Amino acid sequence: MPNSAPPTTAAKRAPEESAPGQPDAATTLVAADSRVQSFRRHLAAERNASPHTLSAYIRDIAEFARLIWIAQGKDRCAWDAVDHLLARRFALELQKTHPAPASLQRKLSSMRCFFRFLVREDAVKGNPFVGLRAGRSAKRLPKVFSVNEVSRLLDAPASYWKHHPTRDDPGGEATAQFAAARDAAILEVIYSAGLRINEAASLNLEMVDLLSGTFVVKGKGRKERLCVLGAPAMQALKAYLDRRDSLGLAARRARGPLFLNLRGTRLTSRSVQRTFKTYLAVAQLPSDYTPHKLRHSFATHLLDAGADLRSVQELLGHASLSTTQIYTHVSSERLKAAYAKAHPRAK
């Protein structure tokens, strides 16, 4: 966010899009493989996989090629020669470099999915990854902001920009007021609607009904869900739009990106992540907190206040209720901690 992103302690900031490095031999090998190309098209067309998901699958397949073929000096993908022994060898090799069970499970799942596709296409006779599992990973409860911590974070943009106007800009005060209003609005919207950071950055103004405070967003798998904005989020959003209009970046009702940088182009997820770190410091909150923890907090605070699990599932856009149930455990842990701290006979 040139001219509007909070300065960092680093002498130079990395560019928004760094130049990609040269692909390694395994990535080049699988990228040129016709079976992998067909699988990629299948994921994109039939499963509505996002670019991020597509990249993750290709990386995992490339890792298989690297460990099983490239390491042995081979330069071709022989998918029909992969059997249970090679699949197990891949799992064992992964354990040396990826000791976390969750990471192993994801990579094995990618290969299982790829070979399921190959079987469907009659490219191989069987799926050698069926039944192959990594060790069971411990289920970790997501960390969440307390209600007080959320309030401090949401107040941080105004506090920061009050003391850090853009000094090399003749209109520095107006620029600072715009940045404060915009960043407060995007944080309010993420927390109020339980959005992922890329969902918030992808919003267009015409998607949001400014009268009802509702909008539809496409989440993972291109699945649509209805989102709701509370009164504070609506107030912050309207204040930001007024600031945006006053700088001439876009008309009050202009169609197109909702959250803009000073060039008048869409604010990126990476920019939001950078400024988020600064606001954590201003609010004196842990530096390892992320924007996604606002989504976790959204769900947990709703359940703490008595919302039913099915409604929270729909607001989050989870396909399975079991995915949402993790937040009931978070709420239970918070209740037990409060009980242990306050009850005279808790210990």
Protein backbone atom coordinates (compact mmCIF):
# COMPACT_ATOMS: atom_id res chain seq x y z
CA MET A 1 0.00 0.00 0.00
CA PRO A 2 2.32 2.81 -1.16
CA ASN A 3 1.95 6.02 0.83
CA SER A 4 -0.59 4.46 3.16
CA ALA A 5 0.97 1.35 4.69
CA PRO A 6 2.44 1.80 8.19
CA PRO A 7 6.25 1.92 8.07
CA THR A 8 8.12 -1.12 9.30
CA THR A 9 11.46 -1.49 11.03
CA ALA A 10 12.95 -3.10 7.93
CA ALA A 11 15.01 -0.81 5.73
CA LYS A 12 13.24 -2.01 2.61
CA ARG A 13 9.92 -3.72 2.15
CA ALA A 14 9.49 -6.63 -0.21
CA PRO A 15 7.46 -5.81 -3.33
CA GLU A 16 3.85 -6.89 -3.53
CA GLU A 17 4.65 -9.60 -6.05
CA SER A 18 8.18 -10.98 -5.89
CA ALA A 19 9.67 -12.44 -9.04
CA PRO A 20 9.23 -16.20 -9.01
CA GLY A 21 12.38 -18.31 -8.75
CA GLN A 22 13.43 -20.89 -11.23
CA PRO A 23 11.35 -24.09 -10.86
CA ASP A 24 13.29 -27.17 -9.76
CA ALA A 25 13.56 -30.35 -11.81
CA ALA A 26 10.63 -32.07 -10.11
CA THR A 27 8.27 -29.11 -10.61
CA THR A 28 9.30 -28.86 -14.26
CA LEU A 29 8.81 -32.60 -14.72
CA VAL A 30 5.27 -32.77 -13.32
CA ALA A 31 4.23 -29.49 -14.96
CA ALA A 32 5.00 -31.03 -18.36
CA ASP A 33 3.28 -34.34 -17.59
CA SER A 34 0.02 -34.80 -19.50
CA ARG A 35 -1.60 -36.76 -16.62
CA VAL A 36 -0.88 -33.97 -14.16
CA GLN A 37 -2.18 -31.39 -16.62
CA SER A 38 -5.43 -33.36 -16.99
CA PHE A 39 -5.71 -33.63 -13.21
CA ARG A 40 -5.25 -29.88 -12.85
CA ARG A 41 -8.02 -29.23 -15.40
CA HIS A 42 -10.25 -31.70 -13.53
CA LEU A 43 -9.71 -29.88 -10.22
CA ALA A 44 -10.41 -26.49 -11.75
CA ALA A 45 -13.43 -27.44 -13.86
CA GLU A 46 -15.17 -30.16 -11.86
CA ARG A 47 -14.21 -29.32 -8.29
CA ASN A 48 -13.97 -25.54 -8.57
CA ALA A 49 -10.57 -25.63 -6.88
CA SER A 50 -9.00 -22.23 -6.17
CA PRO A 51 -5.58 -21.30 -7.59
CA HIS A 52 -4.14 -21.77 -4.09
CA THR A 53 -5.54 -25.32 -3.90
CA LEU A 54 -4.29 -26.16 -7.38
CA SER A 55 -0.79 -24.99 -6.46
CA ALA A 56 -0.84 -27.08 -3.28
CA TYR A 57 -1.76 -30.26 -5.19
CA ILE A 58 0.94 -29.68 -7.79
CA ARG A 59 3.56 -29.03 -5.09
CA ASP A 60 2.69 -32.31 -3.38
CA ILE A 61 2.84 -34.27 -6.63
CA ALA A 62 6.18 -32.59 -7.43
CA GLU A 63 7.49 -33.66 -4.03
CA PHE A 64 6.59 -37.26 -4.86
CA ALA A 65 8.49 -36.97 -8.15
CA ARG A 66 11.45 -35.39 -6.37
CA LEU A 67 11.77 -38.09 -3.71
CA ILE A 68 10.94 -41.12 -5.83
CA TRP A 69 12.29 -40.34 -9.31
CA ILE A 70 14.49 -37.24 -9.43
CA ALA A 71 16.53 -38.45 -6.42
CA GLN A 72 17.23 -41.66 -8.37
CA GLY A 73 18.33 -39.82 -11.48
CA LYS A 74 15.13 -40.55 -13.43
CA ASP A 75 13.52 -37.96 -15.67
CA ARG A 76 10.05 -39.29 -16.43
CA CYS A 77 6.79 -39.79 -14.52
CA ALA A 78 5.93 -43.49 -14.53
CA TRP A 79 2.57 -43.35 -12.75
CA ASP A 80 1.61 -46.87 -13.83
CA ALA A 81 4.72 -48.22 -12.07
CA VAL A 82 3.81 -46.77 -8.67
CA ASP A 83 2.77 -49.55 -6.27
CA HIS A 84 2.14 -49.81 -2.52
CA LEU A 85 5.87 -50.19 -1.84
CA LEU A 86 6.71 -46.93 -3.60
CA ALA A 87 3.79 -45.21 -1.85
CA ARG A 88 5.06 -46.41 1.53
CA ARG A 89 8.58 -45.33 0.64
CA PHE A 90 7.25 -41.86 -0.15
CA ALA A 91 5.55 -41.73 3.26
CA LEU A 92 8.76 -42.80 5.00
CA GLU A 93 10.81 -40.19 3.12
CA LEU A 94 8.28 -37.52 4.05
CA GLN A 95 8.61 -38.38 7.73
CA LYS A 96 12.28 -37.35 7.57
CA THR A 97 11.48 -33.84 6.34
CA HIS A 98 7.88 -33.31 7.47
CA PRO A 99 7.56 -34.73 10.99
CA ALA A 100 4.20 -33.05 11.64
CA PRO A 101 1.43 -35.66 11.10
CA ALA A 102 -0.92 -33.03 9.66
CA SER A 103 1.58 -32.17 6.91
CA LEU A 104 2.06 -35.85 6.07
CA GLN A 105 -1.66 -36.45 5.97
CA ARG A 106 -2.22 -33.59 3.54
CA LYS A 107 0.51 -34.76 1.15
CA LEU A 108 -0.70 -38.36 1.22
CA SER A 109 -4.25 -37.12 0.68
CA SER A 110 -3.08 -35.18 -2.39
CA MET A 111 -1.49 -38.29 -3.87
CA ARG A 112 -4.52 -40.42 -3.01
CA CYS A 113 -6.75 -37.91 -4.81
CA PHE A 114 -4.44 -37.79 -7.84
CA PHE A 115 -4.35 -41.58 -8.18
CA ARG A 116 -8.12 -41.78 -7.73
CA PHE A 117 -8.32 -39.53 -10.80
CA LEU A 118 -5.82 -41.71 -12.69
CA VAL A 119 -7.88 -44.81 -11.91
CA ARG A 120 -11.00 -43.06 -13.17
CA GLU A 121 -9.18 -42.20 -16.39
CA ASP A 122 -7.93 -45.82 -16.78
CA ALA A 123 -4.33 -44.57 -16.62
CA VAL A 124 -3.47 -46.93 -13.76
CA LYS A 125 -5.03 -50.13 -12.45
CA GLY A 126 -5.27 -49.27 -8.77
CA ASN A 127 -4.68 -46.61 -6.16
CA PRO A 128 -1.50 -47.45 -4.18
CA PHE A 129 -2.25 -44.77 -1.59
CA VAL A 130 -5.54 -46.29 -0.42
CA GLY A 131 -5.22 -47.24 3.24
CA LEU A 132 -1.89 -45.44 3.66
CA ARG A 133 -2.11 -43.09 6.63
CA ALA A 134 0.24 -40.88 8.57
CA GLY A 135 0.16 -40.88 12.35
CA ARG A 136 -2.88 -39.30 13.93
CA SER A 137 -2.28 -35.62 14.65
CA ALA A 138 -3.42 -34.04 17.84
CA LYS A 139 -6.38 -31.73 17.30
CA ARG A 140 -5.28 -28.23 18.21
CA LEU A 141 -7.83 -25.69 19.31
CA PRO A 142 -7.65 -22.42 17.38
CA LYS A 143 -6.41 -19.39 19.29
CA VAL A 144 -8.91 -16.56 19.48
CA PHE A 145 -9.00 -12.93 20.50
CA SER A 146 -10.93 -12.06 23.63
CA VAL A 147 -13.71 -9.50 23.14
CA ASN A 148 -11.50 -6.89 24.82
CA GLU A 149 -8.58 -7.73 22.52
CA VAL A 150 -10.81 -7.36 19.45
CA SER A 151 -11.85 -3.89 20.65
CA ARG A 152 -8.22 -2.86 21.12
CA LEU A 153 -7.31 -4.13 17.66
CA LEU A 154 -10.20 -2.33 16.00
CA ASP A 155 -9.16 0.93 17.70
CA ALA A 156 -5.53 0.53 16.57
CA PRO A 157 -5.76 2.05 13.04
CA ALA A 158 -7.11 5.37 14.35
CA SER A 159 -4.51 5.44 17.11
CA TYR A 160 -1.65 4.61 14.76
CA TRP A 161 -2.46 7.08 12.00
CA LYS A 162 -3.14 9.88 14.47
CA HIS A 163 0.58 9.82 15.28
CA HIS A 164 1.99 8.73 11.89
CA PRO A 165 0.75 11.06 9.15
CA THR A 166 2.51 10.78 5.83
CA ARG A 167 5.03 13.58 6.24
CA ASP A 168 6.36 13.60 2.66
CA ASP A 169 2.89 14.13 1.24
CA PRO A 170 1.34 17.64 1.19
CA GLY A 171 -2.01 15.97 1.82
CA GLY A 172 -0.53 13.72 4.49
CA GLU A 173 -3.25 14.32 7.05
CA ALA A 174 -6.01 13.43 4.58
CA THR A 175 -4.03 10.38 3.50
CA ALA A 176 -3.61 9.25 7.11
CA GLN A 177 -7.32 9.72 7.80
CA PHE A 178 -8.15 7.66 4.71
CA ALA A 179 -5.78 4.84 5.73
CA ALA A 180 -7.16 4.82 9.27
CA ALA A 181 -10.76 4.70 8.06
CA ARG A 182 -10.08 2.02 5.46
CA ASP A 183 -8.08 -0.27 7.74
CA ALA A 184 -10.61 0.07 10.56
CA ALA A 185 -13.37 -0.80 8.08
CA ILE A 186 -11.67 -3.90 6.71
CA LEU A 187 -10.94 -5.22 10.23
CA GLU A 188 -14.53 -4.55 11.27
CA VAL A 189 -15.85 -6.33 8.17
CA ILE A 190 -13.60 -9.38 8.68
CA TYR A 191 -14.65 -9.75 12.32
CA SER A 192 -18.32 -8.86 11.84
CA ALA A 193 -18.86 -11.30 8.96
CA GLY A 194 -16.30 -13.98 9.85
CA LEU A 195 -14.46 -13.55 6.55
CA ARG A 196 -11.21 -15.01 5.37
CA ILE A 197 -8.73 -12.29 4.48
CA ASN A 198 -8.87 -12.99 0.73
CA GLU A 199 -12.68 -12.89 0.85
CA ALA A 200 -12.57 -9.40 2.36
CA ALA A 201 -9.95 -8.16 -0.11
CA SER A 202 -12.01 -9.55 -3.02
CA LEU A 203 -15.19 -7.68 -2.11
CA ASN A 204 -16.69 -5.24 -4.62
CA LEU A 205 -18.83 -2.33 -3.50
CA GLU A 206 -21.83 -3.49 -5.52
CA MET A 207 -21.79 -6.81 -3.62
CA VAL A 208 -22.67 -5.12 -0.32
CA ASP A 209 -26.22 -3.97 0.40
CA LEU A 210 -25.54 -0.83 2.43
CA LEU A 211 -29.14 -0.67 3.61
CA SER A 212 -29.50 -4.20 5.01
CA GLY A 213 -25.81 -4.77 5.81
CA THR A 214 -25.76 -8.11 3.98
CA PHE A 215 -23.77 -9.55 1.11
CA VAL A 216 -23.00 -12.89 -0.51
CA VAL A 217 -19.41 -14.09 -0.69
CA LYS A 218 -17.81 -17.05 -2.46
CA GLY A 219 -15.67 -19.09 -0.09
CA LYS A 220 -13.69 -22.29 -0.53
CA GLY A 221 -14.80 -24.41 -3.44
CA ARG A 222 -16.64 -21.36 -4.81
CA LYS A 223 -19.39 -22.06 -2.30
CA GLU A 224 -21.63 -19.04 -1.70
CA ARG A 225 -22.83 -17.95 1.73
CA LEU A 226 -24.77 -15.03 3.14
CA CYS A 227 -22.81 -12.66 5.40
CA VAL A 228 -24.14 -10.08 7.81
CA LEU A 229 -22.54 -6.85 9.03
CA GLY A 230 -23.29 -5.42 12.45
CA ALA A 231 -23.91 -1.74 13.17
CA PRO A 232 -20.26 -0.90 14.07
CA ALA A 233 -19.02 -2.50 10.85
CA MET A 234 -21.60 -0.62 8.79
CA GLN A 235 -20.65 2.64 10.47
CA ALA A 236 -16.94 2.03 9.80
CA LEU A 237 -17.62 1.06 6.20
CA LYS A 238 -19.65 4.21 5.49
CA ALA A 239 -16.97 6.39 7.13
CA TYR A 240 -14.36 4.78 4.89
CA LEU A 241 -16.45 5.32 1.75
CA ASP A 242 -16.80 8.99 2.65
CA ARG A 243 -13.01 9.29 2.99
CA ARG A 244 -12.49 7.41 -0.27
CA ASP A 245 -14.88 9.75 -2.06
CA SER A 246 -13.23 12.87 -0.60
CA LEU A 247 -9.84 11.82 -2.01
CA GLY A 248 -11.37 11.25 -5.43
CA LEU A 249 -10.29 7.59 -5.50
CA ALA A 250 -13.77 6.39 -6.45
CA ALA A 251 -17.29 7.71 -6.38
CA ARG A 252 -19.44 6.88 -3.36
CA ARG A 253 -21.42 4.28 -5.32
CA ALA A 254 -18.80 3.30 -7.90
CA ARG A 255 -18.78 -0.34 -8.89
CA GLY A 256 -15.55 -2.25 -8.44
CA PRO A 257 -13.13 -3.03 -5.61
CA LEU A 258 -14.41 -2.05 -2.18
CA PHE A 259 -11.08 -1.62 -0.41
CA LEU A 260 -8.60 0.54 -2.34
CA ASN A 261 -5.01 1.67 -1.96
CA LEU A 262 -3.96 5.24 -2.77
CA ARG A 263 -3.44 4.34 -6.43
CA GLY A 264 -7.14 3.56 -6.64
CA THR A 265 -6.55 -0.15 -7.20
CA ARG A 266 -7.67 -3.11 -5.11
CA LEU A 267 -6.02 -3.54 -1.72
CA THR A 268 -4.24 -6.89 -1.63
CA SER A 269 -4.37 -9.55 1.07
CA ARG A 270 -0.62 -9.16 1.51
CA SER A 271 -1.01 -5.46 2.29
CA VAL A 272 -3.68 -6.23 4.89
CA GLN A 273 -1.38 -8.80 6.51
CA ARG A 274 1.49 -6.30 6.70
CA THR A 275 -0.57 -3.57 8.35
CA PHE A 276 -2.17 -6.13 10.66
CA LYS A 277 1.22 -6.79 12.26
CA THR A 278 1.63 -3.07 12.96
CA TYR A 279 -1.81 -2.82 14.54
CA LEU A 280 -1.10 -5.82 16.76
CA ALA A 281 1.90 -3.94 18.12
CA VAL A 282 -0.15 -0.77 18.65
CA ALA A 283 -2.80 -2.77 20.53
CA GLN A 284 -0.10 -4.62 22.51
CA LEU A 285 -1.32 -8.00 21.31
CA PRO A 286 0.73 -11.16 20.55
CA SER A 287 2.72 -10.79 17.33
CA ASP A 288 1.78 -14.30 16.13
CA TYR A 289 -1.92 -13.42 15.86
CA THR A 290 -3.22 -13.38 12.28
CA PRO A 291 -6.25 -11.93 10.47
CA HIS A 292 -7.66 -15.46 10.31
CA LYS A 293 -7.90 -15.47 14.11
CA LEU A 294 -10.59 -12.81 13.74
CA ARG A 295 -12.65 -15.44 11.85
CA HIS A 296 -12.01 -17.94 14.67
CA SER A 297 -13.00 -15.26 17.19
CA PHE A 298 -16.18 -14.46 15.24
CA ALA A 299 -17.34 -18.07 15.56
CA THR A 300 -16.28 -18.48 19.20
CA HIS A 301 -17.87 -15.24 20.36
CA LEU A 302 -21.15 -16.15 18.65
CA LEU A 303 -21.24 -19.50 20.43
CA ASP A 304 -20.24 -17.87 23.73
CA ALA A 305 -23.25 -15.57 23.36
CA GLY A 306 -25.64 -18.48 22.75
CA ALA A 307 -25.82 -18.78 18.96
CA ASP A 308 -26.76 -22.25 17.76
CA LEU A 309 -24.12 -24.36 16.04
CA ARG A 310 -26.05 -24.77 12.78
CA SER A 311 -26.36 -20.99 12.31
CA VAL A 312 -22.64 -20.52 12.95
CA GLN A 313 -21.92 -23.28 10.43
CA GLU A 314 -23.93 -21.43 7.77
CA LEU A 315 -22.31 -18.08 8.55
CA LEU A 316 -18.83 -19.63 8.27
CA GLY A 317 -19.75 -21.55 5.11
CA HIS A 318 -18.59 -24.90 6.47
CA ALA A 319 -19.78 -27.89 4.44
CA SER A 320 -19.73 -30.16 7.49
CA LEU A 321 -21.05 -29.44 10.97
CA SER A 322 -18.09 -31.35 12.41
CA THR A 323 -15.76 -28.64 11.12
CA THR A 324 -17.70 -26.01 13.07
CA GLN A 325 -17.79 -28.12 16.23
CA ILE A 326 -14.15 -27.30 16.98
CA TYR A 327 -15.39 -23.91 18.17
CA THR A 328 -17.64 -25.52 20.75
CA HIS A 329 -14.48 -27.01 22.28
CA VAL A 330 -12.88 -23.57 22.32
CA SER A 331 -15.92 -22.16 24.10
CA SER A 332 -15.88 -25.03 26.58
CA GLU A 333 -12.19 -24.47 27.32
CA ARG A 334 -12.85 -20.76 27.90
CA LEU A 335 -15.70 -21.56 30.26
CA LYS A 336 -13.59 -24.06 32.18
CA ALA A 337 -10.75 -21.55 32.46
CA ALA A 338 -13.14 -18.89 33.78
CA TYR A 339 -14.61 -21.41 36.24
CA ALA A 340 -11.17 -22.47 37.48
CA LYS A 341 -10.18 -18.85 37.99
CA ALA A 342 -13.35 -17.65 39.73
CA HIS A 343 -14.98 -20.51 41.65
CA PRO A 344 -13.78 -20.89 45.25
CA ARG A 345 -14.01 -24.69 45.10
CA ALA A 346 -12.66 -25.16 41.56
CA LYS A 347 -9.30 -26.53 42.78
